[in-house]
Amino acid sequence: MKPSLLSFFSLFIGLLLPVSLQGQNLLWDVDFKFGFDNREYSQSQNIPSGTHFGANCIPKVGLGFEERHSIYVGMDFNRHFGKINPSYSAKALLYYQYAGDHLFINAGAFPSKNRKGYYPYAFQGEYRFFDNVHEGALISYTDHGWLAEATANWTGLQQEDNRERFLVSAFLQYQNIDFPYLYPAVSFMMHHYACSKKALNVVDNVWLFPYIGVDLSSLLLAKMKLNGKFGYIQTFQNDRRTETGYVRPGGFNGELTFEYKGFGVRNLLYLGKNLQPFFESEDGNGMQYGTDLYLGSQFYGTRSGVYDRVDLYYTYHLNDMLNLSVISAQHYDGYHWNWQQLVKMTVNLNNFNFKKKK
C-alpha cells in the first residue's frame, strides 16, 4: 500500500473532527469480510480447482449535511492468505451519497454492497466476493413495491496492455404488498469490453434475465422460507474482430430455496446453450478473453447444455451487524459432479446501528 493513501485517510479524519464539533454530523462505517472458498473441480474439463482464502476491511468516515447528504472517504484493505506478492492490497474510497426515503444515490468510488438488485451467478461469480468497490455511479428508487436500480462501474482505463472496460447493470422489480407471492423482475448487464493500445478489437457483451419470483414464506411456519426465481437468460454477444456478427445464446435459469431456522437447501438449474462462447477466443496479441470478459460462473460455459447446482447451507444473522454462511455446493456440468466448500462472514458496524441499540 502506498503510504500517501493512508496519510490522506488520516488527514481527512483529522479535518472532519473539528468540523463535526461545529454542528455537522460525523458519520462512520466499518465493513469486515472473511471468506474461504475451496473448489475441487478435478472432474471438470475446463474449470480450475483452487482455494481462495482471505479477509477484507473497509473503514469509512463521512460528513453528513442537510439531513440526507453526505461525503465519505475510506480504504478498502484486502489480505490474501498465503499469497506472497502482493500479500495484501489497498484502494481508496471517495464518494457522495444521498439517502432519501425513496431515492438513493452514490457517485465516486463507493461500496458495491450498496446495490440492492438481484444479479444471478451467470452475471457475477462468487470469486467476486472481495470485489468491494464500484467506480462510477449508482441510483436506485423504492416505493410501493417497486425497486428500480441502475449502476455504471468503470473497471478499466485504456493503457498499453489494459483494456477500456465498464459495466452497466440495472434491475427492476415489482412486488405487490397485498399479494407478495408472485412478482415480475428483470436483471440486465452490459459489459463494454473495448480496446487497449495493443489490442484494438471490441467485444459486445449484453445479458438479460427476465424472471418470475415466487415467495411463499409468509404462508409457512415461523422461521421457514420457500422462494424461487424462474426465467430465461438471453445474451447478445459480438466479437468485432471476427466480423461474424452477433451470437445469441440463452437458456432457462431456475432457482428454488427452502430454509428452516437457518438450515437450507438451494437448487439452481440452467438448461440451454453455452453462454460464454468467446471464453477461449484470443485477441490480436494472443491473450485469451477468459474471465476478463466473462464475470460470472464458468459453469455457464456449458458443453452439455446442462448445469445443476445444489447448495446445502447454514446461515446465522445477528441483527443487522453480523452474517455467517457455511455452504457445501455440488456442481453438475452434465457429465460429472464437482464440489465446493464456502465459509462467508460479514460484519457491519456504523453510527446508525449503534444508535439503534441505545
Protein backbone atom coordinates (compact mmCIF):
# COMPACT_ATOMS: atom_id res chain seq x y z
CA MET A 1 0.00 0.00 0.00
CA LYS A 2 1.28 3.45 -0.84
CA PRO A 3 1.92 5.49 2.34
CA SER A 4 0.24 8.51 0.70
CA LEU A 5 -3.16 6.73 0.72
CA LEU A 6 -3.07 6.04 4.45
CA SER A 7 -1.74 9.54 5.10
CA PHE A 8 -4.60 11.06 3.13
CA PHE A 9 -7.15 8.93 5.02
CA SER A 10 -5.69 10.02 8.40
CA LEU A 11 -5.59 13.66 7.31
CA PHE A 12 -9.23 13.56 6.24
CA ILE A 13 -10.31 12.17 9.62
CA GLY A 14 -8.34 14.90 11.34
CA LEU A 15 -10.07 17.56 9.28
CA LEU A 16 -13.53 16.12 9.96
CA LEU A 17 -13.25 16.09 13.75
CA PRO A 18 -13.26 19.87 14.29
CA VAL A 19 -15.92 20.31 11.59
CA SER A 20 -18.21 17.85 13.39
CA LEU A 21 -17.95 19.96 16.50
CA GLN A 22 -19.41 22.91 14.59
CA GLY A 23 -22.80 21.25 14.11
CA GLN A 24 -22.26 18.89 11.19
CA ASN A 25 -22.77 15.12 11.51
CA LEU A 26 -19.68 12.96 11.75
CA LEU A 27 -20.50 9.55 10.22
CA TRP A 28 -18.52 6.34 10.40
CA ASP A 29 -18.92 2.86 9.00
CA VAL A 30 -16.77 -0.29 9.06
CA ASP A 31 -17.31 -3.37 6.89
CA PHE A 32 -15.41 -6.59 7.53
CA LYS A 33 -15.41 -9.73 5.38
CA PHE A 34 -13.90 -13.16 5.94
CA GLY A 35 -14.07 -15.69 3.15
CA PHE A 36 -12.98 -19.26 2.45
CA ASP A 37 -13.69 -20.78 -0.96
CA ASN A 38 -12.28 -24.23 -1.76
CA ARG A 39 -13.03 -25.59 -5.24
CA GLU A 40 -12.48 -29.26 -6.07
CA TYR A 41 -13.21 -29.27 -9.79
CA SER A 42 -10.95 -32.10 -10.92
CA GLN A 43 -13.90 -33.72 -12.73
CA SER A 44 -14.40 -30.61 -14.83
CA GLN A 45 -12.55 -30.42 -18.12
CA ASN A 46 -12.08 -26.67 -18.28
CA ILE A 47 -12.64 -25.10 -14.83
CA PRO A 48 -9.61 -24.97 -12.50
CA SER A 49 -9.60 -26.10 -8.87
CA GLY A 50 -8.11 -23.93 -6.15
CA THR A 51 -8.61 -22.25 -2.79
CA HIS A 52 -9.34 -18.58 -2.22
CA PHE A 53 -8.89 -17.51 1.40
CA GLY A 54 -8.72 -14.03 2.86
CA ALA A 55 -10.14 -11.12 4.79
CA ASN A 56 -11.22 -7.63 3.92
CA CYS A 57 -11.87 -4.48 5.93
CA ILE A 58 -13.34 -1.19 4.72
CA PRO A 59 -13.30 1.62 7.31
CA LYS A 60 -15.08 4.79 6.20
CA VAL A 61 -15.71 8.20 7.73
CA GLY A 62 -18.02 10.87 6.38
CA LEU A 63 -19.53 14.25 6.87
CA GLY A 64 -23.33 14.48 6.77
CA PHE A 65 -25.14 17.67 5.82
CA GLU A 66 -28.71 18.77 5.10
CA GLU A 67 -30.02 15.55 6.68
CA ARG A 68 -29.84 13.32 3.57
CA HIS A 69 -26.48 14.23 2.01
CA SER A 70 -23.01 13.01 2.93
CA ILE A 71 -19.43 12.76 1.68
CA TYR A 72 -17.39 9.66 2.59
CA VAL A 73 -13.73 8.71 2.38
CA GLY A 74 -12.32 5.30 3.26
CA MET A 75 -9.93 2.48 2.45
CA ASP A 76 -10.55 -0.99 1.05
CA PHE A 77 -7.97 -3.36 2.60
CA ASN A 78 -7.66 -6.92 1.24
CA ARG A 79 -5.46 -9.58 2.82
CA HIS A 80 -4.95 -12.68 0.64
CA PHE A 81 -3.90 -15.55 2.92
CA GLY A 82 -0.87 -17.44 1.67
CA LYS A 83 -0.21 -15.05 -1.20
CA ILE A 84 3.29 -13.62 -1.26
CA ASN A 85 3.40 -10.91 -3.90
CA PRO A 86 1.36 -8.97 -3.08
CA SER A 87 0.02 -10.42 0.16
CA TYR A 88 -2.39 -7.52 0.56
CA SER A 89 -3.88 -4.66 -1.42
CA ALA A 90 -5.50 -1.34 -0.64
CA LYS A 91 -7.73 1.01 -2.60
CA ALA A 92 -9.24 4.36 -1.70
CA LEU A 93 -12.97 5.08 -1.49
CA LEU A 94 -14.21 8.60 -2.19
CA TYR A 95 -17.91 9.17 -2.77
CA TYR A 96 -21.00 11.30 -2.39
CA GLN A 97 -24.22 9.78 -1.03
CA TYR A 98 -27.83 10.84 -0.95
CA ALA A 99 -30.10 8.63 1.17
CA GLY A 100 -33.74 9.70 0.91
CA ASP A 101 -36.90 7.87 1.86
CA HIS A 102 -37.23 6.50 -1.70
CA LEU A 103 -34.23 7.74 -3.69
CA PHE A 104 -30.64 6.61 -3.10
CA ILE A 105 -27.58 7.92 -4.99
CA ASN A 106 -23.85 7.19 -4.92
CA ALA A 107 -21.24 8.92 -7.07
CA GLY A 108 -17.49 8.22 -6.93
CA ALA A 109 -15.67 5.12 -5.68
CA PHE A 110 -18.32 3.58 -3.42
CA PRO A 111 -19.05 0.19 -1.74
CA SER A 112 -20.52 -2.35 -4.16
CA LYS A 113 -22.76 -3.68 -1.36
CA ASN A 114 -24.95 -0.60 -1.85
CA ARG A 115 -26.54 -2.31 -4.85
CA LYS A 116 -29.83 -3.92 -3.82
CA GLY A 117 -30.86 -5.71 -7.01
CA TYR A 118 -30.58 -9.42 -7.77
CA TYR A 119 -27.90 -10.50 -10.25
CA PRO A 120 -27.54 -14.27 -10.87
CA TYR A 121 -24.32 -16.30 -10.76
CA ALA A 122 -24.29 -16.14 -14.56
CA PHE A 123 -23.68 -12.38 -14.27
CA GLN A 124 -21.18 -12.35 -11.39
CA GLY A 125 -19.40 -15.32 -9.84
CA GLU A 126 -18.53 -15.96 -6.22
CA TYR A 127 -14.87 -15.18 -6.75
CA ARG A 128 -16.05 -11.53 -6.81
CA PHE A 129 -16.67 -11.81 -3.02
CA PHE A 130 -13.74 -9.47 -2.32
CA ASP A 131 -14.55 -7.12 -5.21
CA ASN A 132 -15.96 -4.45 -2.91
CA VAL A 133 -15.67 -1.16 -4.77
CA HIS A 134 -17.61 0.27 -7.71
CA GLU A 135 -16.12 3.25 -9.51
CA GLY A 136 -18.83 5.32 -11.13
CA ALA A 137 -22.43 5.96 -10.08
CA LEU A 138 -25.47 4.24 -8.60
CA ILE A 139 -29.08 5.38 -8.48
CA SER A 140 -31.97 3.40 -7.00
CA TYR A 141 -35.60 4.07 -6.23
CA THR A 142 -38.00 2.15 -3.99
CA ASP A 143 -41.70 2.89 -3.46
CA HIS A 144 -44.92 0.85 -3.01
CA GLY A 145 -43.39 -2.48 -4.01
CA TRP A 146 -41.18 -1.07 -6.77
CA LEU A 147 -37.39 -1.40 -6.80
CA ALA A 148 -35.51 0.20 -9.70
CA GLU A 149 -31.73 0.41 -9.86
CA ALA A 150 -29.01 1.37 -12.34
CA THR A 151 -25.24 1.26 -11.89
CA ALA A 152 -22.26 2.29 -14.00
CA ASN A 153 -18.94 0.78 -12.92
CA TRP A 154 -15.73 1.80 -14.70
CA THR A 155 -13.38 -1.20 -14.47
CA GLY A 156 -10.65 -0.43 -16.98
CA LEU A 157 -8.79 2.58 -18.36
CA GLN A 158 -7.24 2.17 -21.79
CA GLN A 159 -3.47 1.74 -21.46
CA GLU A 160 -0.75 -0.20 -23.21
CA ASP A 161 -1.90 -3.64 -22.01
CA ASN A 162 -5.09 -2.69 -20.22
CA ARG A 163 -8.44 -2.57 -21.99
CA GLU A 164 -11.04 0.13 -21.64
CA ARG A 165 -13.90 -1.58 -19.80
CA PHE A 166 -17.03 -0.60 -17.96
CA LEU A 167 -20.14 -2.34 -16.68
CA VAL A 168 -23.67 -1.04 -16.86
CA SER A 169 -26.14 -3.03 -14.77
CA ALA A 170 -29.79 -2.48 -13.98
CA PHE A 171 -32.57 -4.16 -12.02
CA LEU A 172 -36.34 -3.67 -11.95
CA GLN A 173 -38.85 -5.46 -9.71
CA TYR A 174 -42.44 -5.01 -8.66
CA GLN A 175 -43.82 -6.94 -5.68
CA ASN A 176 -47.41 -6.15 -4.71
CA ILE A 177 -47.63 -5.62 -0.96
CA ASP A 178 -51.08 -7.23 -0.83
CA PHE A 179 -50.04 -10.24 -2.95
CA PRO A 180 -46.29 -10.83 -2.45
CA TYR A 181 -46.31 -14.47 -3.55
CA LEU A 182 -45.59 -13.85 -7.27
CA TYR A 183 -43.71 -10.90 -8.75
CA PRO A 184 -42.03 -9.97 -12.05
CA ALA A 185 -38.42 -8.77 -12.24
CA VAL A 186 -35.61 -8.33 -14.73
CA SER A 187 -31.81 -8.11 -14.38
CA PHE A 188 -29.61 -6.50 -17.03
CA MET A 189 -25.86 -6.28 -17.60
CA MET A 190 -23.76 -4.79 -20.38
CA HIS A 191 -20.00 -5.32 -20.31
CA HIS A 192 -18.26 -2.85 -22.62
CA TYR A 193 -15.02 -4.73 -23.39
CA ALA A 194 -13.07 -2.32 -25.59
CA CYS A 195 -9.52 -1.71 -26.79
CA SER A 196 -6.11 -1.43 -25.23
CA LYS A 197 -3.35 0.33 -27.13
CA LYS A 198 -2.10 -3.08 -28.27
CA ALA A 199 -5.40 -4.93 -28.78
CA LEU A 200 -7.70 -2.87 -30.97
CA ASN A 201 -10.76 -5.14 -31.06
CA VAL A 202 -14.03 -4.66 -29.17
CA VAL A 203 -16.37 -7.35 -27.80
CA ASP A 204 -20.04 -6.54 -27.20
CA ASN A 205 -21.41 -8.49 -24.23
CA VAL A 206 -25.05 -7.90 -23.19
CA TRP A 207 -27.03 -10.10 -20.77
CA LEU A 208 -30.73 -10.03 -19.87
CA PHE A 209 -32.59 -12.13 -17.28
CA PRO A 210 -36.37 -11.57 -17.04
CA TYR A 211 -37.93 -13.84 -14.43
CA ILE A 212 -40.90 -14.53 -12.20
CA GLY A 213 -40.16 -14.56 -8.49
CA VAL A 214 -42.02 -16.77 -6.03
CA ASP A 215 -42.09 -16.17 -2.27
CA LEU A 216 -44.35 -18.38 -0.15
CA SER A 217 -42.56 -17.76 3.15
CA SER A 218 -45.42 -15.80 4.71
CA LEU A 219 -47.72 -18.83 4.28
CA LEU A 220 -45.40 -21.17 6.22
CA LEU A 221 -44.31 -21.62 9.81
CA ALA A 222 -42.20 -19.00 11.55
CA LYS A 223 -38.50 -19.09 10.55
CA MET A 224 -39.40 -21.13 7.47
CA LYS A 225 -38.68 -19.80 3.95
CA LEU A 226 -39.64 -21.02 0.49
CA ASN A 227 -38.80 -18.90 -2.53
CA GLY A 228 -37.62 -19.15 -6.10
CA LYS A 229 -36.80 -17.36 -9.34
CA PHE A 230 -37.63 -18.79 -12.76
CA GLY A 231 -36.79 -17.13 -16.04
CA TYR A 232 -34.74 -17.07 -19.22
CA ILE A 233 -31.22 -15.72 -19.68
CA GLN A 234 -30.75 -14.11 -23.09
CA THR A 235 -27.38 -12.81 -24.25
CA PHE A 236 -26.22 -10.74 -27.23
CA GLN A 237 -22.52 -11.11 -27.96
CA ASN A 238 -20.28 -9.98 -30.79
CA ASP A 239 -16.50 -10.20 -31.23
CA ARG A 240 -15.98 -7.43 -33.76
CA ARG A 241 -12.53 -8.79 -34.60
CA THR A 242 -14.02 -11.85 -36.34
CA GLU A 243 -16.67 -9.83 -38.24
CA THR A 244 -19.11 -12.76 -37.98
CA GLY A 245 -21.88 -10.76 -36.29
CA TYR A 246 -23.87 -11.37 -33.14
CA VAL A 247 -24.45 -14.71 -31.46
CA ARG A 248 -27.41 -15.02 -29.08
CA PRO A 249 -27.00 -18.00 -26.73
CA GLY A 250 -29.59 -18.31 -23.96
CA GLY A 251 -31.45 -20.74 -21.78
CA PHE A 252 -33.79 -21.42 -18.87
CA ASN A 253 -32.47 -20.46 -15.44
CA GLY A 254 -34.34 -21.50 -12.29
CA GLU A 255 -33.56 -21.32 -8.59
CA LEU A 256 -35.52 -22.79 -5.65
CA THR A 257 -34.66 -22.34 -1.96
CA PHE A 258 -36.09 -23.91 1.19
CA GLU A 259 -34.84 -22.85 4.63
CA TYR A 260 -35.82 -23.52 8.24
CA LYS A 261 -34.12 -21.94 11.25
CA GLY A 262 -31.04 -21.09 9.18
CA PHE A 263 -30.58 -24.55 7.64
CA GLY A 264 -31.42 -24.73 3.97
CA VAL A 265 -31.11 -26.30 0.56
CA ARG A 266 -30.93 -24.37 -2.70
CA ASN A 267 -31.14 -25.85 -6.20
CA LEU A 268 -30.12 -23.90 -9.29
CA LEU A 269 -30.75 -25.34 -12.75
CA TYR A 270 -29.66 -23.99 -16.12
CA LEU A 271 -30.77 -25.62 -19.39
CA GLY A 272 -29.50 -24.04 -22.57
CA LYS A 273 -26.57 -23.13 -24.75
CA ASN A 274 -23.03 -22.14 -23.81
CA LEU A 275 -23.34 -18.57 -22.50
CA GLN A 276 -19.58 -17.96 -22.81
CA PRO A 277 -18.86 -18.69 -26.50
CA PHE A 278 -15.80 -16.39 -26.65
CA PHE A 279 -14.17 -17.60 -23.41
CA GLU A 280 -11.28 -19.33 -25.21
CA SER A 281 -11.04 -16.76 -28.01
CA GLU A 282 -7.92 -14.61 -28.25
CA ASP A 283 -7.26 -11.03 -29.24
CA GLY A 284 -4.69 -10.00 -31.84
CA ASN A 285 -1.87 -10.36 -29.30
CA GLY A 286 -2.75 -13.95 -28.35
CA MET A 287 -4.37 -13.05 -25.00
CA GLN A 288 -7.38 -15.19 -24.08
CA TYR A 289 -10.56 -13.31 -23.14
CA GLY A 290 -11.45 -15.78 -20.35
CA THR A 291 -12.62 -14.35 -17.03
CA ASP A 292 -11.57 -10.88 -18.14
CA LEU A 293 -14.62 -10.85 -20.43
CA TYR A 294 -16.97 -13.21 -18.53
CA LEU A 295 -17.52 -12.24 -14.89
CA GLY A 296 -19.99 -14.98 -13.99
CA SER A 297 -19.59 -18.63 -13.00
CA GLN A 298 -17.64 -20.62 -15.59
CA PHE A 299 -20.18 -23.44 -15.32
CA TYR A 300 -22.46 -21.35 -17.54
CA GLY A 301 -19.99 -22.04 -20.33
CA THR A 302 -21.64 -25.46 -20.51
CA ARG A 303 -20.64 -28.01 -23.13
CA SER A 304 -23.54 -30.35 -22.33
CA GLY A 305 -26.42 -27.89 -22.23
CA VAL A 306 -26.98 -28.64 -18.52
CA TYR A 307 -25.72 -27.04 -15.32
CA ASP A 308 -27.18 -28.04 -11.95
CA ARG A 309 -26.03 -26.67 -8.60
CA VAL A 310 -27.19 -27.94 -5.20
CA ASP A 311 -26.27 -25.97 -2.05
CA LEU A 312 -26.60 -27.32 1.48
CA TYR A 313 -26.09 -24.41 3.84
CA TYR A 314 -26.45 -22.84 7.27
CA THR A 315 -26.83 -19.11 7.87
CA TYR A 316 -26.70 -17.12 11.11
CA HIS A 317 -27.72 -13.46 11.48
CA LEU A 318 -27.07 -11.15 14.43
CA ASN A 319 -29.33 -8.15 13.97
CA ASP A 320 -28.05 -6.04 11.07
CA MET A 321 -24.44 -6.40 12.10
CA LEU A 322 -23.17 -9.96 11.55
CA ASN A 323 -23.97 -12.58 8.91
CA LEU A 324 -22.36 -16.03 8.70
CA SER A 325 -22.87 -18.63 5.96
CA VAL A 326 -21.42 -22.14 5.66
CA ILE A 327 -22.11 -23.77 2.28
CA SER A 328 -21.45 -27.12 0.65
CA ALA A 329 -22.06 -26.66 -3.08
CA GLN A 330 -22.30 -29.51 -5.58
CA HIS A 331 -21.94 -28.59 -9.26
CA TYR A 332 -23.11 -30.92 -12.06
CA ASP A 333 -21.83 -29.95 -15.52
CA GLY A 334 -23.80 -32.58 -17.43
CA TYR A 335 -21.03 -35.16 -17.12
CA HIS A 336 -19.64 -35.15 -13.56
CA TRP A 337 -20.24 -33.71 -10.10
CA ASN A 338 -17.78 -31.17 -8.66
CA TRP A 339 -17.56 -30.00 -5.04
CA GLN A 340 -17.09 -26.58 -3.48
CA GLN A 341 -16.98 -25.54 0.18
CA LEU A 342 -17.53 -21.94 1.30
CA VAL A 343 -17.46 -20.01 4.56
CA LYS A 344 -18.52 -16.37 4.42
CA MET A 345 -18.75 -13.91 7.28
CA THR A 346 -19.64 -10.23 7.01
CA VAL A 347 -19.75 -7.66 9.82
CA ASN A 348 -21.06 -4.12 9.51
CA LEU A 349 -20.70 -1.56 12.29
CA ASN A 350 -21.73 2.08 11.95
CA ASN A 351 -23.11 5.03 13.88
CA PHE A 352 -26.67 4.13 12.82
CA ASN A 353 -26.89 0.56 14.11
CA PHE A 354 -25.15 1.58 17.33
CA LYS A 355 -27.82 4.24 17.85
CA LYS A 356 -30.49 1.55 17.43
CA LYS A 357 -29.01 -0.35 20.36
CA LYS A 358 -29.20 2.60 22.74
